[in-house]
Amino acid sequence: MNASDIDAILAATLEDRTLSAATENHENVLVSDDPRLVLPFCRAFDDLWTALE
C-alpha cells in the first residue's frame, strides 16, 4: 500500500460513552486526509484484521 493508493479519510476518536464523559471529560477527535497519517493507520488496521483471521 502506497500513499498514492490511499483515497481515504482517517477519523479517529478517543471517546468515553458515559454520562459523566459528556460533562466532565475532555474528549478528542482527529479527522485527516493526510497520507502520512492515513497510511500507517491503514497498515496497522490491516495487520490487526489479519491477525484475527
C-alpha atoms as a PDB file:
ATOM      1  CA  MET A   1       0.000   0.000   0.000  1.00  0.00           C
ATOM      2  CA  ASN A   2       1.417   3.356  -1.060  1.00  0.00           C
ATOM      3  CA  ALA A   3       0.362   6.895  -0.309  1.00  0.00           C
ATOM      4  CA  SER A   4      -0.846   7.219  -3.903  1.00  0.00           C
ATOM      5  CA  ASP A   5      -3.181   4.245  -3.292  1.00  0.00           C
ATOM      6  CA  ILE A   6      -4.939   5.988  -0.439  1.00  0.00           C
ATOM      7  CA  ASP A   7      -8.267   7.625  -1.135  1.00  0.00           C
ATOM      8  CA  ALA A   8      -9.461   7.713   2.429  1.00  0.00           C
ATOM      9  CA  ILE A   9     -10.091   9.895   5.401  1.00  0.00           C
ATOM     10  CA  LEU A  10      -8.928   8.905   8.844  1.00  0.00           C
ATOM     11  CA  ALA A  11     -11.447   9.635  11.569  1.00  0.00           C
ATOM     12  CA  ALA A  12     -10.226   8.530  14.973  1.00  0.00           C
ATOM     13  CA  THR A  13     -11.703   9.301  18.340  1.00  0.00           C
ATOM     14  CA  LEU A  14     -10.894   8.597  21.927  1.00  0.00           C
ATOM     15  CA  GLU A  15     -14.309   8.867  23.449  1.00  0.00           C
ATOM     16  CA  ASP A  16     -15.936   7.555  26.579  1.00  0.00           C
ATOM     17  CA  ARG A  17     -19.644   6.865  26.085  1.00  0.00           C
ATOM     18  CA  THR A  18     -20.788   7.528  29.633  1.00  0.00           C
ATOM     19  CA  LEU A  19     -22.922  10.275  31.125  1.00  0.00           C
ATOM     20  CA  SER A  20     -20.001  11.676  33.103  1.00  0.00           C
ATOM     21  CA  ALA A  21     -17.890  11.827  29.949  1.00  0.00           C
ATOM     22  CA  ALA A  22     -20.359  14.247  28.398  1.00  0.00           C
ATOM     23  CA  THR A  23     -19.925  16.719  31.238  1.00  0.00           C
ATOM     24  CA  GLU A  24     -16.536  16.033  32.831  1.00  0.00           C
ATOM     25  CA  ASN A  25     -14.065  14.634  30.289  1.00  0.00           C
ATOM     26  CA  HIS A  26     -12.003  16.305  27.592  1.00  0.00           C
ATOM     27  CA  GLU A  27     -12.685  14.193  24.502  1.00  0.00           C
ATOM     28  CA  ASN A  28     -10.904  14.487  21.163  1.00  0.00           C
ATOM     29  CA  VAL A  29     -11.480  13.693  17.512  1.00  0.00           C
ATOM     30  CA  LEU A  30      -8.936  13.566  14.699  1.00  0.00           C
ATOM     31  CA  VAL A  31     -10.048  13.833  11.070  1.00  0.00           C
ATOM     32  CA  SER A  32      -7.406  13.857   8.342  1.00  0.00           C
ATOM     33  CA  ASP A  33      -6.840  13.003   4.710  1.00  0.00           C
ATOM     34  CA  ASP A  34      -3.059  13.372   5.060  1.00  0.00           C
ATOM     35  CA  PRO A  35      -1.439  10.171   3.731  1.00  0.00           C
ATOM     36  CA  ARG A  36       1.291  10.478   6.394  1.00  0.00           C
ATOM     37  CA  LEU A  37      -1.411   9.753   8.990  1.00  0.00           C
ATOM     38  CA  VAL A  38      -3.848   7.634   6.988  1.00  0.00           C
ATOM     39  CA  LEU A  39      -1.323   5.155   5.548  1.00  0.00           C
ATOM     40  CA  PRO A  40       0.227   3.988   8.850  1.00  0.00           C
ATOM     41  CA  PHE A  41      -3.247   3.695  10.380  1.00  0.00           C
ATOM     42  CA  CYS A  42      -4.477   1.597   7.441  1.00  0.00           C
ATOM     43  CA  ARG A  43      -1.427  -0.661   7.645  1.00  0.00           C
ATOM     44  CA  ALA A  44      -1.867  -1.165  11.400  1.00  0.00           C
ATOM     45  CA  PHE A  45      -5.589  -1.871  10.953  1.00  0.00           C
ATOM     46  CA  ASP A  46      -4.864  -4.397   8.193  1.00  0.00           C
ATOM     47  CA  ASP A  47      -2.267  -6.118  10.408  1.00  0.00           C
ATOM     48  CA  LEU A  48      -4.751  -6.375  13.288  1.00  0.00           C
ATOM     49  CA  TRP A  49      -7.505  -7.648  10.982  1.00  0.00           C
ATOM     50  CA  THR A  50      -5.174 -10.279   9.505  1.00  0.00           C
ATOM     51  CA  ALA A  51      -4.149 -11.421  12.990  1.00  0.00           C
ATOM     52  CA  LEU A  52      -7.817 -12.025  13.857  1.00  0.00           C
ATOM     53  CA  GLU A  53      -8.482 -14.238  10.827  1.00  0.00           C
END
